[in-house]
Amino acid sequence: MKEELIEILFQYREAFASDNRPLGATKGHEVDIMLNVERPDPPILRRPAYPANPRAREALESHINELKKLGVCRNVGHIEGVDHNACDNYLE
């Protein structure tokens, strides 16, 4: 049984993260996600930003840097036609 599992895992090794292909954004398999909420955003999403305490801010910065390193998110600017800068605006 164990040998069969190892054989299957090896056969489909491309489905798993590795040193050369860490977890994160998958290249060549991007998708567009259609949101089921139309603009304007619902009131709960329109809350003003508030400052995080230093410990929470440090944890957020660390996590966001890891997501950027993995390619899950990236810095974007207003010229790309988005409302927010992915990643960095969460820290403002």
PDB file of N, CA and C in Angstrom:
ATOM      1  N   MET A   1       0.823  -1.189   0.000  1.00  0.00           N
ATOM      2  CA  MET A   1       0.000   0.000   0.000  1.00  0.00           C
ATOM      3  C   MET A   1       0.872   1.260   0.000  1.00  0.00           C
ATOM      4  N   LYS A   2       1.878   1.295   0.866  1.00  0.00           N
ATOM      5  CA  LYS A   2       2.755   2.457   0.948  1.00  0.00           C
ATOM      6  C   LYS A   2       3.502   2.655  -0.365  1.00  0.00           C
ATOM      7  N   GLU A   3       3.950   1.567  -0.954  1.00  0.00           N
ATOM      8  CA  GLU A   3       4.672   1.656  -2.220  1.00  0.00           C
ATOM      9  C   GLU A   3       3.785   2.209  -3.331  1.00  0.00           C
ATOM     10  N   GLU A   4       2.505   1.801  -3.338  1.00  0.00           N
ATOM     11  CA  GLU A   4       1.561   2.312  -4.337  1.00  0.00           C
ATOM     12  C   GLU A   4       1.371   3.818  -4.180  1.00  0.00           C
ATOM     13  N   LEU A   5       1.253   4.263  -2.942  1.00  0.00           N
ATOM     14  CA  LEU A   5       1.097   5.691  -2.682  1.00  0.00           C
ATOM     15  C   LEU A   5       2.322   6.465  -3.164  1.00  0.00           C
ATOM     16  N   ILE A   6       3.491   5.980  -2.854  1.00  0.00           N
ATOM     17  CA  ILE A   6       4.725   6.640  -3.295  1.00  0.00           C
ATOM     18  C   ILE A   6       4.796   6.684  -4.813  1.00  0.00           C
ATOM     19  N   GLU A   7       4.406   5.605  -5.457  1.00  0.00           N
ATOM     20  CA  GLU A   7       4.410   5.560  -6.921  1.00  0.00           C
ATOM     21  C   GLU A   7       3.442   6.592  -7.516  1.00  0.00           C
ATOM     22  N   ILE A   8       2.248   6.695  -6.936  1.00  0.00           N
ATOM     23  CA  ILE A   8       1.259   7.671  -7.425  1.00  0.00           C
ATOM     24  C   ILE A   8       1.752   9.094  -7.193  1.00  0.00           C
ATOM     25  N   LEU A   9       2.288   9.350  -6.008  1.00  0.00           N
ATOM     26  CA  LEU A   9       2.812  10.687  -5.718  1.00  0.00           C
ATOM     27  C   LEU A   9       3.937  11.055  -6.678  1.00  0.00           C
ATOM     28  N   PHE A  10       4.806  10.112  -6.967  1.00  0.00           N
ATOM     29  CA  PHE A  10       5.897  10.380  -7.899  1.00  0.00           C
ATOM     30  C   PHE A  10       5.357  10.608  -9.312  1.00  0.00           C
ATOM     31  N   GLN A  11       4.367   9.820  -9.698  1.00  0.00           N
ATOM     32  CA  GLN A  11       3.780   9.952 -11.035  1.00  0.00           C
ATOM     33  C   GLN A  11       3.175  11.346 -11.231  1.00  0.00           C
ATOM     34  N   TYR A  12       2.569  11.908 -10.191  1.00  0.00           N
ATOM     35  CA  TYR A  12       1.922  13.222 -10.272  1.00  0.00           C
ATOM     36  C   TYR A  12       2.711  14.292  -9.504  1.00  0.00           C
ATOM     37  N   ARG A  13       4.024  14.176  -9.498  1.00  0.00           N
ATOM     38  CA  ARG A  13       4.866  15.098  -8.734  1.00  0.00           C
ATOM     39  C   ARG A  13       4.744  16.546  -9.196  1.00  0.00           C
ATOM     40  N   GLU A  14       4.325  16.778 -10.436  1.00  0.00           N
ATOM     41  CA  GLU A  14       4.168  18.145 -10.939  1.00  0.00           C
ATOM     42  C   GLU A  14       3.034  18.884 -10.222  1.00  0.00           C
ATOM     43  N   ALA A  15       2.151  18.160  -9.555  1.00  0.00           N
ATOM     44  CA  ALA A  15       1.031  18.789  -8.852  1.00  0.00           C
ATOM     45  C   ALA A  15       1.438  19.361  -7.500  1.00  0.00           C
ATOM     46  N   PHE A  16       2.660  19.090  -7.064  1.00  0.00           N
ATOM     47  CA  PHE A  16       3.103  19.507  -5.740  1.00  0.00           C
ATOM     48  C   PHE A  16       4.214  20.539  -5.832  1.00  0.00           C
ATOM     49  N   ALA A  17       4.328  21.322  -4.780  1.00  0.00           N
ATOM     50  CA  ALA A  17       5.392  22.322  -4.711  1.00  0.00           C
ATOM     51  C   ALA A  17       6.738  21.623  -4.558  1.00  0.00           C
ATOM     52  N   SER A  18       7.778  22.298  -5.027  1.00  0.00           N
ATOM     53  CA  SER A  18       9.138  21.794  -4.867  1.00  0.00           C
ATOM     54  C   SER A  18      10.057  22.983  -4.636  1.00  0.00           C
ATOM     55  N   ASP A  19      11.346  22.723  -4.478  1.00  0.00           N
ATOM     56  CA  ASP A  19      12.301  23.822  -4.311  1.00  0.00           C
ATOM     57  C   ASP A  19      12.311  24.721  -5.540  1.00  0.00           C
ATOM     58  N   ASN A  20      12.196  24.137  -6.711  1.00  0.00           N
ATOM     59  CA  ASN A  20      12.206  24.913  -7.953  1.00  0.00           C
ATOM     60  C   ASN A  20      10.847  25.531  -8.269  1.00  0.00           C
ATOM     61  N   ARG A  21       9.781  24.940  -7.760  1.00  0.00           N
ATOM     62  CA  ARG A  21       8.424  25.438  -8.006  1.00  0.00           C
ATOM     63  C   ARG A  21       7.696  25.552  -6.672  1.00  0.00           C
ATOM     64  N   PRO A  22       7.962  26.626  -5.918  1.00  0.00           N
ATOM     65  CA  PRO A  22       7.315  26.756  -4.608  1.00  0.00           C
ATOM     66  C   PRO A  22       5.829  27.048  -4.747  1.00  0.00           C
ATOM     67  N   LEU A  23       5.121  26.903  -3.648  1.00  0.00           N
ATOM     68  CA  LEU A  23       3.700  27.250  -3.648  1.00  0.00           C
ATOM     69  C   LEU A  23       3.548  28.718  -3.994  1.00  0.00           C
ATOM     70  N   GLY A  24       2.495  29.055  -4.651  1.00  0.00           N
ATOM     71  CA  GLY A  24       2.269  30.446  -5.026  1.00  0.00           C
ATOM     72  C   GLY A  24       1.465  30.523  -6.303  1.00  0.00           C
ATOM     73  N   ALA A  25       1.676  31.574  -7.049  1.00  0.00           N
ATOM     74  CA  ALA A  25       0.954  31.764  -8.301  1.00  0.00           C
ATOM     75  C   ALA A  25       1.374  30.704  -9.304  1.00  0.00           C
ATOM     76  N   THR A  26       0.422  30.124  -9.982  1.00  0.00           N
ATOM     77  CA  THR A  26       0.693  29.117 -10.994  1.00  0.00           C
ATOM     78  C   THR A  26       0.779  29.787 -12.351  1.00  0.00           C
ATOM     79  N   LYS A  27       1.888  29.625 -13.017  1.00  0.00           N
ATOM     80  CA  LYS A  27       2.075  30.236 -14.331  1.00  0.00           C
ATOM     81  C   LYS A  27       1.400  29.376 -15.398  1.00  0.00           C
ATOM     82  N   GLY A  28       0.723  30.033 -16.331  1.00  0.00           N
ATOM     83  CA  GLY A  28       0.089  29.311 -17.427  1.00  0.00           C
ATOM     84  C   GLY A  28      -1.265  28.723 -17.076  1.00  0.00           C
ATOM     85  N   HIS A  29      -1.729  28.978 -15.870  1.00  0.00           N
ATOM     86  CA  HIS A  29      -3.016  28.439 -15.435  1.00  0.00           C
ATOM     87  C   HIS A  29      -3.828  29.517 -14.732  1.00  0.00           C
ATOM     88  N   GLU A  30      -3.675  30.759 -15.190  1.00  0.00           N
ATOM     89  CA  GLU A  30      -4.364  31.874 -14.567  1.00  0.00           C
ATOM     90  C   GLU A  30      -5.854  31.817 -14.885  1.00  0.00           C
ATOM     91  N   VAL A  31      -6.649  32.346 -13.975  1.00  0.00           N
ATOM     92  CA  VAL A  31      -8.095  32.384 -14.177  1.00  0.00           C
ATOM     93  C   VAL A  31      -8.613  33.774 -13.843  1.00  0.00           C
ATOM     94  N   ASP A  32      -9.723  34.142 -14.455  1.00  0.00           N
ATOM     95  CA  ASP A  32     -10.423  35.366 -14.106  1.00  0.00           C
ATOM     96  C   ASP A  32     -11.566  34.984 -13.177  1.00  0.00           C
ATOM     97  N   ILE A  33     -11.653  35.658 -12.053  1.00  0.00           N
ATOM     98  CA  ILE A  33     -12.701  35.362 -11.082  1.00  0.00           C
ATOM     99  C   ILE A  33     -13.774  36.435 -11.198  1.00  0.00           C
ATOM    100  N   MET A  34     -14.966  36.015 -11.532  1.00  0.00           N
ATOM    101  CA  MET A  34     -16.091  36.932 -11.648  1.00  0.00           C
ATOM    102  C   MET A  34     -16.694  37.130 -10.262  1.00  0.00           C
ATOM    103  N   LEU A  35     -16.689  38.354  -9.791  1.00  0.00           N
ATOM    104  CA  LEU A  35     -17.255  38.643  -8.484  1.00  0.00           C
ATOM    105  C   LEU A  35     -18.771  38.684  -8.581  1.00  0.00           C
ATOM    106  N   ASN A  36     -19.426  38.248  -7.527  1.00  0.00           N
ATOM    107  CA  ASN A  36     -20.883  38.254  -7.540  1.00  0.00           C
ATOM    108  C   ASN A  36     -21.447  39.495  -6.849  1.00  0.00           C
ATOM    109  N   VAL A  37     -20.607  40.479  -6.614  1.00  0.00           N
ATOM    110  CA  VAL A  37     -21.030  41.727  -5.991  1.00  0.00           C
ATOM    111  C   VAL A  37     -20.732  42.854  -6.966  1.00  0.00           C
ATOM    112  N   GLU A  38     -21.747  43.611  -7.302  1.00  0.00           N
ATOM    113  CA  GLU A  38     -21.570  44.734  -8.223  1.00  0.00           C
ATOM    114  C   GLU A  38     -21.157  45.977  -7.451  1.00  0.00           C
ATOM    115  N   ARG A  39     -20.514  46.891  -8.153  1.00  0.00           N
ATOM    116  CA  ARG A  39     -20.161  48.166  -7.530  1.00  0.00           C
ATOM    117  C   ARG A  39     -21.399  49.024  -7.424  1.00  0.00           C
ATOM    118  N   PRO A  40     -21.549  49.860  -6.471  1.00  0.00           N
ATOM    119  CA  PRO A  40     -20.570  50.112  -5.419  1.00  0.00           C
ATOM    120  C   PRO A  40     -20.492  48.938  -4.451  1.00  0.00           C
ATOM    121  N   ASP A  41     -19.329  48.804  -3.827  1.00  0.00           N
ATOM    122  CA  ASP A  41     -19.119  47.705  -2.891  1.00  0.00           C
ATOM    123  C   ASP A  41     -20.141  47.768  -1.759  1.00  0.00           C
ATOM    124  N   PRO A  42     -20.496  46.622  -1.201  1.00  0.00           N
ATOM    125  CA  PRO A  42     -21.418  46.636  -0.068  1.00  0.00           C
ATOM    126  C   PRO A  42     -20.808  47.417   1.103  1.00  0.00           C
ATOM    127  N   PRO A  43     -21.638  47.957   1.995  1.00  0.00           N
ATOM    128  CA  PRO A  43     -21.131  48.801   3.088  1.00  0.00           C
ATOM    129  C   PRO A  43     -20.021  48.173   3.913  1.00  0.00           C
ATOM    130  N   ILE A  44     -20.090  46.871   4.151  1.00  0.00           N
ATOM    131  CA  ILE A  44     -19.068  46.239   4.986  1.00  0.00           C
ATOM    132  C   ILE A  44     -17.681  46.325   4.341  1.00  0.00           C
ATOM    133  N   LEU A  45     -17.621  46.425   3.013  1.00  0.00           N
ATOM    134  CA  LEU A  45     -16.334  46.517   2.333  1.00  0.00           C
ATOM    135  C   LEU A  45     -15.844  47.956   2.215  1.00  0.00           C
ATOM    136  N   ARG A  46     -16.645  48.909   2.631  1.00  0.00           N
ATOM    137  CA  ARG A  46     -16.273  50.312   2.489  1.00  0.00           C
ATOM    138  C   ARG A  46     -15.783  50.917   3.796  1.00  0.00           C
ATOM    139  N   ARG A  47     -15.265  50.125   4.665  1.00  0.00           N
ATOM    140  CA  ARG A  47     -14.765  50.638   5.935  1.00  0.00           C
ATOM    141  C   ARG A  47     -13.453  51.386   5.712  1.00  0.00           C
ATOM    142  N   PRO A  48     -13.259  52.485   6.435  1.00  0.00           N
ATOM    143  CA  PRO A  48     -11.995  53.211   6.295  1.00  0.00           C
ATOM    144  C   PRO A  48     -10.844  52.406   6.895  1.00  0.00           C
ATOM    145  N   ALA A  49      -9.663  52.644   6.384  1.00  0.00           N
ATOM    146  CA  ALA A  49      -8.478  51.968   6.915  1.00  0.00           C
ATOM    147  C   ALA A  49      -8.219  52.451   8.337  1.00  0.00           C
ATOM    148  N   TYR A  50      -7.652  51.603   9.149  1.00  0.00           N
ATOM    149  CA  TYR A  50      -7.287  51.990  10.511  1.00  0.00           C
ATOM    150  C   TYR A  50      -5.886  51.462  10.787  1.00  0.00           C
ATOM    151  N   PRO A  51      -5.124  52.155  11.622  1.00  0.00           N
ATOM    152  CA  PRO A  51      -3.745  51.732  11.866  1.00  0.00           C
ATOM    153  C   PRO A  51      -3.699  50.429  12.662  1.00  0.00           C
ATOM    154  N   ALA A  52      -2.751  49.593  12.312  1.00  0.00           N
ATOM    155  CA  ALA A  52      -2.546  48.345  13.034  1.00  0.00           C
ATOM    156  C   ALA A  52      -1.512  48.581  14.131  1.00  0.00           C
ATOM    157  N   ASN A  53      -1.605  47.813  15.202  1.00  0.00           N
ATOM    158  CA  ASN A  53      -0.589  47.949  16.240  1.00  0.00           C
ATOM    159  C   ASN A  53       0.735  47.418  15.692  1.00  0.00           C
ATOM    160  N   PRO A  54       1.866  47.810  16.272  1.00  0.00           N
ATOM    161  CA  PRO A  54       3.177  47.436  15.711  1.00  0.00           C
ATOM    162  C   PRO A  54       3.378  45.934  15.518  1.00  0.00           C
ATOM    163  N   ARG A  55       2.918  45.104  16.472  1.00  0.00           N
ATOM    164  CA  ARG A  55       3.091  43.649  16.312  1.00  0.00           C
ATOM    165  C   ARG A  55       2.274  43.117  15.147  1.00  0.00           C
ATOM    166  N   ALA A  56       1.036  43.572  15.028  1.00  0.00           N
ATOM    167  CA  ALA A  56       0.179  43.124  13.928  1.00  0.00           C
ATOM    168  C   ALA A  56       0.732  43.617  12.599  1.00  0.00           C
ATOM    169  N   ARG A  57       1.218  44.845  12.567  1.00  0.00           N
ATOM    170  CA  ARG A  57       1.782  45.405  11.338  1.00  0.00           C
ATOM    171  C   ARG A  57       3.006  44.608  10.892  1.00  0.00           C
ATOM    172  N   GLU A  58       3.864  44.243  11.844  1.00  0.00           N
ATOM    173  CA  GLU A  58       5.053  43.448  11.524  1.00  0.00           C
ATOM    174  C   GLU A  58       4.652  42.088  10.956  1.00  0.00           C
ATOM    175  N   ALA A  59       3.640  41.457  11.551  1.00  0.00           N
ATOM    176  CA  ALA A  59       3.164  40.158  11.054  1.00  0.00           C
ATOM    177  C   ALA A  59       2.571  40.304   9.658  1.00  0.00           C
ATOM    178  N   LEU A  60       1.795  41.373   9.431  1.00  0.00           N
ATOM    179  CA  LEU A  60       1.222  41.616   8.103  1.00  0.00           C
ATOM    180  C   LEU A  60       2.312  41.832   7.063  1.00  0.00           C
ATOM    181  N   GLU A  61       3.300  42.659   7.396  1.00  0.00           N
ATOM    182  CA  GLU A  61       4.389  42.924   6.453  1.00  0.00           C
ATOM    183  C   GLU A  61       5.127  41.644   6.103  1.00  0.00           C
ATOM    184  N   SER A  62       5.390  40.809   7.111  1.00  0.00           N
ATOM    185  CA  SER A  62       6.085  39.546   6.874  1.00  0.00           C
ATOM    186  C   SER A  62       5.273  38.640   5.950  1.00  0.00           C
ATOM    187  N   HIS A  63       3.974  38.526   6.220  1.00  0.00           N
ATOM    188  CA  HIS A  63       3.116  37.659   5.401  1.00  0.00           C
ATOM    189  C   HIS A  63       2.996  38.193   3.973  1.00  0.00           C
ATOM    190  N   ILE A  64       2.822  39.493   3.830  1.00  0.00           N
ATOM    191  CA  ILE A  64       2.700  40.084   2.495  1.00  0.00           C
ATOM    192  C   ILE A  64       3.997  39.929   1.720  1.00  0.00           C
ATOM    193  N   ASN A  65       5.137  40.099   2.377  1.00  0.00           N
ATOM    194  CA  ASN A  65       6.418  39.888   1.697  1.00  0.00           C
ATOM    195  C   ASN A  65       6.557  38.445   1.226  1.00  0.00           C
ATOM    196  N   GLU A  66       6.089  37.502   2.032  1.00  0.00           N
ATOM    197  CA  GLU A  66       6.123  36.089   1.632  1.00  0.00           C
ATOM    198  C   GLU A  66       5.216  35.849   0.427  1.00  0.00           C
ATOM    199  N   LEU A  67       4.015  36.436   0.426  1.00  0.00           N
ATOM    200  CA  LEU A  67       3.103  36.293  -0.713  1.00  0.00           C
ATOM    201  C   LEU A  67       3.703  36.905  -1.979  1.00  0.00           C
ATOM    202  N   LYS A  68       4.377  38.044  -1.840  1.00  0.00           N
ATOM    203  CA  LYS A  68       5.010  38.663  -3.007  1.00  0.00           C
ATOM    204  C   LYS A  68       6.154  37.788  -3.515  1.00  0.00           C
ATOM    205  N   LYS A  69       6.927  37.210  -2.587  1.00  0.00           N
ATOM    206  CA  LYS A  69       8.036  36.333  -2.981  1.00  0.00           C
ATOM    207  C   LYS A  69       7.528  35.105  -3.737  1.00  0.00           C
ATOM    208  N   LEU A  70       6.373  34.586  -3.327  1.00  0.00           N
ATOM    209  CA  LEU A  70       5.786  33.413  -3.978  1.00  0.00           C
ATOM    210  C   LEU A  70       5.053  33.762  -5.269  1.00  0.00           C
ATOM    211  N   GLY A  71       4.865  35.055  -5.524  1.00  0.00           N
ATOM    212  CA  GLY A  71       4.173  35.458  -6.741  1.00  0.00           C
ATOM    213  C   GLY A  71       2.661  35.457  -6.612  1.00  0.00           C
ATOM    214  N   VAL A  72       2.148  35.328  -5.393  1.00  0.00           N
ATOM    215  CA  VAL A  72       0.706  35.320  -5.180  1.00  0.00           C
ATOM    216  C   VAL A  72       0.138  36.722  -5.344  1.00  0.00           C
ATOM    217  N   CYS A  73       0.865  37.723  -4.890  1.00  0.00           N
ATOM    218  CA  CYS A  73       0.438  39.104  -5.088  1.00  0.00           C
ATOM    219  C   CYS A  73       1.651  39.932  -5.481  1.00  0.00           C
ATOM    220  N   ARG A  74       1.387  41.107  -5.984  1.00  0.00           N
ATOM    221  CA  ARG A  74       2.466  41.990  -6.418  1.00  0.00           C
ATOM    222  C   ARG A  74       2.020  43.425  -6.248  1.00  0.00           C
ATOM    223  N   ASN A  75       2.973  44.324  -6.272  1.00  0.00           N
ATOM    224  CA  ASN A  75       2.640  45.739  -6.221  1.00  0.00           C
ATOM    225  C   ASN A  75       2.083  46.151  -7.571  1.00  0.00           C
ATOM    226  N   VAL A  76       1.005  46.876  -7.543  1.00  0.00           N
ATOM    227  CA  VAL A  76       0.417  47.399  -8.774  1.00  0.00           C
ATOM    228  C   VAL A  76       0.178  48.886  -8.588  1.00  0.00           C
ATOM    229  N   GLY A  77       0.042  49.585  -9.688  1.00  0.00           N
ATOM    230  CA  GLY A  77      -0.158  51.020  -9.614  1.00  0.00           C
ATOM    231  C   GLY A  77      -1.448  51.449 -10.265  1.00  0.00           C
ATOM    232  N   HIS A  78      -1.740  52.725 -10.143  1.00  0.00           N
ATOM    233  CA  HIS A  78      -2.989  53.254 -10.679  1.00  0.00           C
ATOM    234  C   HIS A  78      -3.060  53.158 -12.198  1.00  0.00           C
ATOM    235  N   ILE A  79      -1.919  53.070 -12.878  1.00  0.00           N
ATOM    236  CA  ILE A  79      -1.946  52.998 -14.340  1.00  0.00           C
ATOM    237  C   ILE A  79      -2.446  51.653 -14.849  1.00  0.00           C
ATOM    238  N   GLU A  80      -2.544  50.666 -13.951  1.00  0.00           N
ATOM    239  CA  GLU A  80      -3.017  49.343 -14.362  1.00  0.00           C
ATOM    240  C   GLU A  80      -4.532  49.215 -14.250  1.00  0.00           C
ATOM    241  N   GLY A  81      -5.198  50.300 -13.919  1.00  0.00           N
ATOM    242  CA  GLY A  81      -6.658  50.287 -13.893  1.00  0.00           C
ATOM    243  C   GLY A  81      -7.263  49.541 -12.727  1.00  0.00           C
ATOM    244  N   VAL A  82      -6.573  49.486 -11.610  1.00  0.00           N
ATOM    245  CA  VAL A  82      -7.128  48.835 -10.428  1.00  0.00           C
ATOM    246  C   VAL A  82      -7.423  49.882  -9.372  1.00  0.00           C
ATOM    247  N   ASP A  83      -8.337  49.534  -8.461  1.00  0.00           N
ATOM    248  CA  ASP A  83      -8.725  50.479  -7.420  1.00  0.00           C
ATOM    249  C   ASP A  83      -7.727  50.549  -6.273  1.00  0.00           C
ATOM    250  N   HIS A  84      -7.016  49.485  -6.043  1.00  0.00           N
ATOM    251  CA  HIS A  84      -6.123  49.413  -4.888  1.00  0.00           C
ATOM    252  C   HIS A  84      -4.777  48.856  -5.319  1.00  0.00           C
ATOM    253  N   ASN A  85      -3.747  49.200  -4.578  1.00  0.00           N
ATOM    254  CA  ASN A  85      -2.443  48.585  -4.792  1.00  0.00           C
ATOM    255  C   ASN A  85      -2.432  47.269  -4.035  1.00  0.00           C
ATOM    256  N   ALA A  86      -2.389  46.179  -4.752  1.00  0.00           N
ATOM    257  CA  ALA A  86      -2.392  44.867  -4.119  1.00  0.00           C
ATOM    258  C   ALA A  86      -1.202  44.784  -3.183  1.00  0.00           C
ATOM    259  N   CYS A  87      -1.372  44.283  -2.029  1.00  0.00           N
ATOM    260  CA  CYS A  87      -0.378  44.080  -0.980  1.00  0.00           C
ATOM    261  C   CYS A  87      -0.121  45.331  -0.157  1.00  0.00           C
ATOM    262  N   ASP A  88       0.507  46.354  -0.718  1.00  0.00           N
ATOM    263  CA  ASP A  88       0.987  47.466   0.092  1.00  0.00           C
ATOM    264  C   ASP A  88      -0.121  48.293   0.717  1.00  0.00           C
ATOM    265  N   ASN A  89      -1.271  48.419   0.094  1.00  0.00           N
ATOM    266  CA  ASN A  89      -2.334  49.236   0.686  1.00  0.00           C
ATOM    267  C   ASN A  89      -2.873  48.641   1.978  1.00  0.00           C
ATOM    268  N   TYR A  90      -2.677  47.349   2.180  1.00  0.00           N
ATOM    269  CA  TYR A  90      -3.161  46.747   3.409  1.00  0.00           C
ATOM    270  C   TYR A  90      -2.387  47.263   4.614  1.00  0.00           C
ATOM    271  N   LEU A  91      -1.210  47.831   4.376  1.00  0.00           N
ATOM    272  CA  LEU A  91      -0.369  48.283   5.475  1.00  0.00           C
ATOM    273  C   LEU A  91      -0.516  49.763   5.761  1.00  0.00           C
ATOM    274  N   GLU A  92      -1.287  50.484   4.988  1.00  0.00           N
ATOM    275  CA  GLU A  92      -1.409  51.928   5.190  1.00  0.00           C
ATOM    276  C   GLU A  92      -2.323  52.256   6.346  1.00  0.00           C
TER     277      GLU A  92
END
